[in-house]
Amino acid sequence: MQHCDILVVGAGPAGSTAALEAAKNGSRVFLIDKRRILGEPVQCAEFVPKLLLNEVDISRKCIVQDVKTMKTYLQNGECTETYSPGYMLNRKIFDRELAMNAAEKGVDLRVNTLCVSKLGNKVAINEGGKKELIVPKVIIGADGSRSTVGQWINSNNSDFITALQYSVPLVSSMDFTEIYFDKRFYGGYGWLFPKGKFANVGAGVKLGVKSELNTSLSLIVKRFVTFLEKNEKVENTFLSKTGGLIPVSGPLNSIKDNILLVGDAAGQTNAITGGGIPQAIICGKIAGQIAGKAIQVGDISVLEEYKYEWQTIFWNELNRSKLRRQFLESNWGQLDKIVKKCWTAFREYYEE
């Protein structure tokens, strides 16, 4: 049995950032992740806004290319281009760098380690088949959309978009991302995000509800790739694929007793765009700092500050995205009429 100040479950951007910040305050931090290799599989379109550089150091090793604008295509053929400066990342390298930065600050990083259960003040883990009990003073759940830690405080995502993405060759280089709205992508959209000579092409949808019923998401995305090929944007060659669930329930209760939730586990993902890396980094930083402060002063009630700090920054936008999603899904049959109220590229999205 081992004791620690803070146990962070999940070594994605949220968890690694939280662990790093907590360690800066001198706390003894354990950071565990169930994956054997951090950063894999990639379940992300890999775009981040340039403003994220204000919150985290992103090395050039992580950056595949710069992005200048976003093009949004509607069903009626209308295309709107908006200024959207950012980077396409290599998430494998990015996630590993964040975790290694935490380890260099003294965080005890353990991969291939499953968080099994919580028994009173003890947390059971399984590290490569070896069972162990950890006794933490604070627990930070950064373990994704189906959070084990979230289950311990009855705070779980209940609504999801299913995403599937392929890596395909680009016909020519691009310095912009593309978003496509179409009735076949019920509740979501298709995307083409450039990565040098290649591109991430995918879609996120609510399967089996008003989409192409009885059609698999794989077939939906393959038809989308064929459409892009006909428009001479990509080659119809599949190099790799990834997928997963994107939580769109909106923000959840993120604190109870000595437990904090952050990132997807806390519902801090934008329910319209599906974007979550900036929120994960910023909220992870807040969680780590406040958890470290609670350990320093010996007062767990300090953790309450976490909820107020992150909600001050993100609540309004996350709540707006949740309401826009509800409106989008309930009016999907009128997609052409309502889409501008439901996508961040248009001013109608921000109007009450």
Protein backbone atom coordinates (compact mmCIF):
# COMPACT_ATOMS: atom_id res chain seq x y z
CA MET A 1 0.00 0.00 0.00
CA GLN A 2 1.31 3.41 -0.99
CA HIS A 3 0.28 6.87 0.13
CA CYS A 4 0.33 9.98 -2.05
CA ASP A 5 -1.02 13.49 -1.95
CA ILE A 6 -2.75 13.46 -5.34
CA LEU A 7 -3.73 10.60 -7.65
CA VAL A 8 -4.44 11.65 -11.25
CA VAL A 9 -6.24 9.06 -13.36
CA GLY A 10 -5.63 9.52 -17.09
CA ALA A 11 -2.49 10.90 -18.77
CA GLY A 12 -4.09 12.83 -21.60
CA PRO A 13 -3.74 16.62 -21.88
CA ALA A 14 -6.01 17.26 -18.87
CA GLY A 15 -4.41 14.72 -16.56
CA SER A 16 -0.79 15.42 -17.45
CA THR A 17 -1.32 19.17 -17.06
CA ALA A 18 -3.04 18.69 -13.69
CA ALA A 19 -0.24 16.42 -12.47
CA LEU A 20 2.45 18.87 -13.58
CA GLU A 21 0.82 21.83 -11.83
CA ALA A 22 0.26 19.88 -8.62
CA ALA A 23 3.88 18.72 -8.58
CA LYS A 24 5.08 22.32 -8.90
CA ASN A 25 3.55 22.96 -5.49
CA GLY A 26 5.62 20.17 -3.99
CA SER A 27 2.83 17.58 -3.81
CA ARG A 28 3.57 13.90 -4.19
CA VAL A 29 1.65 13.00 -7.33
CA PHE A 30 0.83 9.65 -8.95
CA LEU A 31 -0.26 9.80 -12.62
CA ILE A 32 -1.66 6.57 -14.02
CA ASP A 33 -2.95 5.63 -17.47
CA LYS A 34 -4.40 2.37 -18.74
CA ARG A 35 -2.66 2.61 -22.12
CA ARG A 36 0.63 0.84 -22.75
CA ILE A 37 1.78 3.66 -25.05
CA LEU A 38 0.73 7.20 -24.22
CA GLY A 39 -0.88 9.13 -27.06
CA GLU A 40 -2.19 6.01 -28.77
CA PRO A 41 -4.69 5.50 -30.19
CA VAL A 42 -5.27 9.07 -31.37
CA GLN A 43 -8.96 9.95 -30.94
CA CYS A 44 -8.87 13.52 -32.14
CA ALA A 45 -8.96 15.60 -35.32
CA GLU A 46 -5.72 17.17 -33.94
CA PHE A 47 -6.43 20.86 -34.50
CA VAL A 48 -5.75 23.40 -31.73
CA PRO A 49 -6.08 27.22 -31.80
CA LYS A 50 -2.90 29.28 -31.64
CA LEU A 51 -4.13 30.98 -28.49
CA LEU A 52 -3.43 27.72 -26.66
CA LEU A 53 0.25 28.72 -26.72
CA ASN A 54 -0.65 31.15 -23.92
CA GLU A 55 -1.39 28.17 -21.69
CA VAL A 56 1.06 25.44 -22.67
CA ASP A 57 4.40 25.09 -24.41
CA ILE A 58 3.95 23.29 -27.72
CA SER A 59 7.26 22.19 -29.23
CA ARG A 60 7.80 22.24 -32.98
CA LYS A 61 8.08 18.45 -32.83
CA CYS A 62 4.36 18.33 -32.07
CA ILE A 63 3.29 20.66 -34.89
CA VAL A 64 2.64 19.17 -38.32
CA GLN A 65 1.55 22.42 -39.97
CA ASP A 66 -0.03 25.83 -39.45
CA VAL A 67 -3.69 26.53 -40.25
CA LYS A 68 -4.96 29.97 -41.21
CA THR A 69 -8.71 29.68 -41.86
CA MET A 70 -11.74 27.39 -41.65
CA LYS A 71 -14.13 26.81 -44.54
CA THR A 72 -17.68 25.81 -43.68
CA TYR A 73 -19.74 24.15 -46.44
CA LEU A 74 -23.52 24.03 -46.22
CA GLN A 75 -25.89 21.69 -48.05
CA ASN A 76 -27.01 24.43 -50.42
CA GLY A 77 -23.45 24.87 -51.70
CA GLU A 78 -22.72 28.02 -49.69
CA CYS A 79 -19.15 28.26 -48.37
CA THR A 80 -18.07 30.60 -45.59
CA GLU A 81 -14.39 31.16 -44.80
CA THR A 82 -13.46 32.43 -41.34
CA TYR A 83 -10.15 33.39 -39.75
CA SER A 84 -9.16 30.47 -37.52
CA PRO A 85 -5.42 30.44 -36.85
CA GLY A 86 -4.09 27.28 -35.29
CA TYR A 87 -1.95 24.20 -35.59
CA MET A 88 -2.41 20.64 -36.71
CA LEU A 89 -0.72 18.52 -34.09
CA ASN A 90 0.82 15.11 -33.90
CA ARG A 91 -1.18 14.10 -30.84
CA LYS A 92 1.05 11.10 -30.15
CA ILE A 93 4.05 13.36 -29.62
CA PHE A 94 2.02 16.10 -27.92
CA ASP A 95 0.50 13.80 -25.30
CA ARG A 96 3.82 12.11 -24.59
CA GLU A 97 5.61 15.43 -24.15
CA LEU A 98 3.00 16.62 -21.64
CA ALA A 99 3.32 13.40 -19.64
CA MET A 100 7.12 13.47 -19.74
CA ASN A 101 7.14 17.09 -18.58
CA ALA A 102 5.13 16.00 -15.57
CA ALA A 103 7.50 13.10 -14.89
CA GLU A 104 10.50 15.45 -15.05
CA LYS A 105 8.89 17.50 -12.27
CA GLY A 106 8.78 14.45 -10.03
CA VAL A 107 5.40 12.98 -10.90
CA ASP A 108 5.29 9.18 -10.50
CA LEU A 109 4.05 8.22 -13.99
CA ARG A 110 2.73 4.71 -14.53
CA VAL A 111 1.40 3.37 -17.83
CA ASN A 112 -0.43 0.09 -18.45
CA THR A 113 -2.10 0.77 -15.12
CA LEU A 114 -5.82 0.34 -14.71
CA CYS A 115 -7.83 2.18 -12.07
CA VAL A 116 -10.05 -0.62 -10.75
CA SER A 117 -12.14 0.60 -7.81
CA LYS A 118 -12.36 2.84 -4.77
CA LEU A 119 -12.71 1.22 -1.36
CA GLY A 120 -13.19 3.87 1.30
CA ASN A 121 -10.09 6.05 1.12
CA LYS A 122 -8.17 3.44 -0.86
CA VAL A 123 -7.96 3.15 -4.65
CA ALA A 124 -7.24 -0.25 -6.18
CA ILE A 125 -5.06 -0.21 -9.29
CA ASN A 126 -3.72 -2.95 -11.52
CA GLU A 127 -0.31 -2.25 -13.03
CA GLY A 128 0.42 -4.81 -15.70
CA GLY A 129 -1.29 -7.55 -13.72
CA LYS A 130 0.13 -6.44 -10.37
CA LYS A 131 -2.57 -5.27 -7.97
CA GLU A 132 -1.89 -2.49 -5.51
CA LEU A 133 -3.71 -0.12 -3.17
CA ILE A 134 -3.07 3.62 -3.26
CA VAL A 135 -4.21 6.00 -0.51
CA PRO A 136 -4.49 9.52 -1.99
CA LYS A 137 -5.63 12.68 -0.23
CA VAL A 138 -7.06 14.06 -3.50
CA ILE A 139 -8.19 12.27 -6.66
CA ILE A 140 -8.36 13.95 -10.07
CA GLY A 141 -10.36 12.06 -12.69
CA ALA A 142 -9.09 12.84 -16.18
CA ASP A 143 -9.99 9.46 -17.59
CA GLY A 144 -12.16 10.40 -20.54
CA SER A 145 -15.79 10.37 -21.58
CA ARG A 146 -16.55 7.07 -19.81
CA SER A 147 -14.82 8.05 -16.59
CA THR A 148 -14.35 5.46 -13.86
CA VAL A 149 -13.68 8.23 -11.36
CA GLY A 150 -16.85 10.00 -12.45
CA GLN A 151 -18.84 6.88 -11.56
CA TRP A 152 -17.60 7.17 -7.98
CA ILE A 153 -19.40 10.51 -7.58
CA ASN A 154 -22.36 9.69 -9.85
CA SER A 155 -21.28 12.25 -12.44
CA ASN A 156 -21.19 10.75 -15.91
CA ASN A 157 -21.69 11.82 -19.51
CA SER A 158 -25.00 10.54 -20.85
CA ASP A 159 -25.03 11.81 -24.43
CA PHE A 160 -22.45 11.13 -27.13
CA ILE A 161 -21.55 11.66 -30.74
CA THR A 162 -19.80 8.72 -32.41
CA ALA A 163 -16.80 9.76 -34.47
CA LEU A 164 -14.77 7.91 -37.08
CA GLN A 165 -11.75 9.31 -38.88
CA TYR A 166 -9.42 8.09 -41.64
CA SER A 167 -6.00 9.33 -42.65
CA VAL A 168 -5.87 9.80 -46.43
CA PRO A 169 -3.45 11.44 -48.90
CA LEU A 170 -4.15 15.03 -49.93
CA VAL A 171 -4.18 15.92 -53.62
CA SER A 172 -2.55 19.29 -52.85
CA SER A 173 -1.45 21.12 -49.72
CA MET A 174 -3.94 23.18 -47.70
CA ASP A 175 -3.57 25.79 -44.98
CA PHE A 176 -7.24 25.68 -43.96
CA THR A 177 -9.64 23.22 -42.40
CA GLU A 178 -12.98 22.24 -43.96
CA ILE A 179 -16.31 21.52 -42.25
CA TYR A 180 -19.29 19.96 -44.06
CA PHE A 181 -22.92 19.97 -42.95
CA ASP A 182 -25.26 17.47 -44.54
CA LYS A 183 -28.40 15.65 -43.40
CA ARG A 184 -26.56 12.34 -43.54
CA PHE A 185 -24.37 13.55 -40.64
CA TYR A 186 -27.24 13.69 -38.15
CA GLY A 187 -26.37 15.80 -35.13
CA GLY A 188 -22.84 16.45 -36.33
CA TYR A 189 -20.70 17.18 -39.36
CA GLY A 190 -17.96 15.94 -41.63
CA TRP A 191 -14.42 17.34 -41.64
CA LEU A 192 -11.24 17.50 -43.65
CA PHE A 193 -8.22 18.64 -41.62
CA PRO A 194 -4.86 18.84 -43.46
CA LYS A 195 -1.68 17.30 -42.05
CA GLY A 196 1.08 18.09 -44.53
CA LYS A 197 0.74 15.64 -47.41
CA PHE A 198 -2.12 13.85 -45.68
CA ALA A 199 -5.43 14.73 -44.07
CA ASN A 200 -7.72 13.62 -41.26
CA VAL A 201 -11.12 13.00 -42.85
CA GLY A 202 -14.02 11.96 -40.67
CA ALA A 203 -17.49 12.50 -39.35
CA GLY A 204 -19.25 12.61 -36.03
CA VAL A 205 -22.93 11.58 -35.93
CA LYS A 206 -25.73 10.30 -33.75
CA LEU A 207 -26.02 6.81 -35.18
CA GLY A 208 -29.40 5.29 -35.90
CA VAL A 209 -31.32 8.52 -35.34
CA LYS A 210 -32.42 10.39 -38.47
CA SER A 211 -29.06 9.67 -40.10
CA GLU A 212 -28.69 7.11 -42.86
CA LEU A 213 -30.57 4.45 -40.91
CA ASN A 214 -29.05 0.98 -40.96
CA THR A 215 -25.91 2.47 -42.49
CA SER A 216 -22.66 2.03 -40.59
CA LEU A 217 -20.56 5.05 -39.72
CA SER A 218 -17.72 3.44 -41.66
CA LEU A 219 -19.82 3.47 -44.83
CA ILE A 220 -20.96 7.06 -44.19
CA VAL A 221 -17.35 8.24 -43.91
CA LYS A 222 -16.19 6.22 -46.91
CA ARG A 223 -18.90 7.83 -49.02
CA PHE A 224 -17.71 11.20 -47.73
CA VAL A 225 -14.15 10.39 -48.79
CA THR A 226 -15.45 9.41 -52.24
CA PHE A 227 -17.21 12.79 -52.45
CA LEU A 228 -13.96 14.57 -51.54
CA GLU A 229 -12.08 12.51 -54.12
CA LYS A 230 -14.52 13.55 -56.85
CA ASN A 231 -13.88 17.16 -55.85
CA GLU A 232 -10.12 16.50 -56.23
CA LYS A 233 -9.28 17.14 -52.60
CA VAL A 234 -8.06 13.73 -51.43
CA GLU A 235 -7.06 10.34 -52.75
CA ASN A 236 -9.35 7.46 -51.89
CA THR A 237 -6.67 5.51 -50.05
CA PHE A 238 -7.09 4.69 -46.38
CA LEU A 239 -3.84 4.74 -44.41
CA SER A 240 -5.19 4.42 -40.87
CA LYS A 241 -8.35 4.97 -38.89
CA THR A 242 -9.43 5.94 -35.42
CA GLY A 243 -12.66 6.66 -33.66
CA GLY A 244 -14.43 7.06 -30.38
CA LEU A 245 -17.14 8.76 -28.38
CA ILE A 246 -17.37 12.54 -28.01
CA PRO A 247 -19.35 13.61 -24.92
CA VAL A 248 -22.03 16.19 -25.71
CA SER A 249 -24.06 16.16 -22.49
CA GLY A 250 -22.69 19.52 -21.44
CA PRO A 251 -20.77 20.35 -18.25
CA LEU A 252 -21.13 17.94 -15.33
CA ASN A 253 -20.77 18.23 -11.59
CA SER A 254 -16.98 18.33 -11.32
CA ILE A 255 -16.35 18.00 -7.59
CA LYS A 256 -17.45 15.95 -4.63
CA ASP A 257 -15.55 15.44 -1.38
CA ASN A 258 -11.88 14.92 -2.36
CA ILE A 259 -12.57 14.13 -6.03
CA LEU A 260 -12.24 16.50 -9.00
CA LEU A 261 -13.14 15.77 -12.62
CA VAL A 262 -11.46 17.46 -15.57
CA GLY A 263 -11.59 17.35 -19.38
CA ASP A 264 -14.00 14.93 -21.06
CA ALA A 265 -14.67 13.33 -17.67
CA ALA A 266 -16.17 16.65 -16.52
CA GLY A 267 -18.13 17.28 -19.72
CA GLN A 268 -15.85 20.20 -20.56
CA THR A 269 -16.05 19.41 -24.29
CA ASN A 270 -17.87 21.81 -26.61
CA ALA A 271 -21.15 20.03 -27.42
CA ILE A 272 -21.32 21.52 -30.93
CA THR A 273 -17.75 21.41 -32.24
CA GLY A 274 -16.56 18.47 -30.16
CA GLY A 275 -13.40 20.43 -29.36
CA GLY A 276 -11.87 19.84 -25.95
CA ILE A 277 -8.09 20.27 -25.90
CA PRO A 278 -8.02 23.94 -24.77
CA GLN A 279 -10.54 23.25 -22.00
CA ALA A 280 -8.60 20.15 -20.95
CA ILE A 281 -5.32 22.08 -20.66
CA ILE A 282 -6.76 25.13 -18.90
CA CYS A 283 -9.06 23.21 -16.54
CA GLY A 284 -6.29 20.69 -15.88
CA LYS A 285 -4.01 23.53 -14.87
CA ILE A 286 -6.67 24.94 -12.52
CA ALA A 287 -7.37 21.51 -11.01
CA GLY A 288 -3.69 20.80 -10.39
CA GLN A 289 -3.03 24.18 -8.82
CA ILE A 290 -6.01 24.04 -6.49
CA ALA A 291 -5.39 20.42 -5.53
CA GLY A 292 -1.80 21.37 -4.72
CA LYS A 293 -3.02 24.31 -2.67
CA ALA A 294 -5.41 22.09 -0.71
CA ILE A 295 -2.53 19.76 0.15
CA GLN A 296 -0.28 22.66 1.18
CA VAL A 297 -2.81 24.17 3.59
CA GLY A 298 -4.17 20.82 4.72
CA ASP A 299 -7.76 21.73 3.92
CA ILE A 300 -9.72 19.68 1.37
CA SER A 301 -12.52 22.26 1.35
CA VAL A 302 -10.18 24.43 -0.78
CA LEU A 303 -11.07 22.12 -3.68
CA GLU A 304 -14.40 23.95 -4.00
CA GLU A 305 -12.47 26.78 -5.66
CA TYR A 306 -11.91 24.56 -8.69
CA LYS A 307 -15.56 24.58 -9.75
CA TYR A 308 -15.88 28.35 -9.54
CA GLU A 309 -12.63 29.04 -11.37
CA TRP A 310 -13.21 26.81 -14.39
CA GLN A 311 -16.88 27.72 -14.67
CA THR A 312 -16.01 31.42 -14.68
CA ILE A 313 -13.97 30.81 -17.84
CA PHE A 314 -16.00 28.18 -19.69
CA TRP A 315 -19.52 27.83 -18.31
CA ASN A 316 -21.27 30.30 -20.61
CA GLU A 317 -19.79 28.88 -23.79
CA LEU A 318 -20.25 25.23 -22.81
CA ASN A 319 -23.83 25.85 -21.77
CA ARG A 320 -24.48 27.70 -25.05
CA SER A 321 -23.10 24.78 -27.01
CA LYS A 322 -25.35 22.37 -25.10
CA LEU A 323 -28.44 24.47 -25.88
CA ARG A 324 -27.42 24.82 -29.53
CA ARG A 325 -27.04 21.05 -29.77
CA GLN A 326 -30.52 20.49 -28.40
CA PHE A 327 -31.89 22.97 -30.94
CA LEU A 328 -29.89 21.40 -33.77
CA GLU A 329 -31.09 17.88 -33.12
CA SER A 330 -34.73 18.80 -32.57
CA ASN A 331 -34.78 20.82 -35.83
CA TRP A 332 -32.57 18.60 -37.99
CA GLY A 333 -35.22 18.35 -40.68
CA GLN A 334 -34.76 22.08 -41.27
CA LEU A 335 -30.96 21.96 -41.34
CA ASP A 336 -30.63 24.53 -44.13
CA LYS A 337 -32.63 27.07 -42.14
CA ILE A 338 -31.12 26.56 -38.69
CA VAL A 339 -27.49 25.57 -39.32
CA LYS A 340 -26.08 29.10 -38.96
CA LYS A 341 -27.54 29.31 -35.46
CA CYS A 342 -25.76 26.06 -34.63
CA TRP A 343 -22.21 26.56 -35.86
CA THR A 344 -19.47 28.74 -34.40
CA ALA A 345 -18.45 30.29 -37.73
CA PHE A 346 -21.65 32.34 -37.91
CA ARG A 347 -22.69 35.35 -35.85
CA GLU A 348 -26.17 33.82 -35.40
CA TYR A 349 -24.59 31.20 -33.14
CA TYR A 350 -23.76 33.85 -30.55
CA GLU A 351 -27.10 35.65 -30.63
CA GLU A 352 -29.60 34.95 -27.88
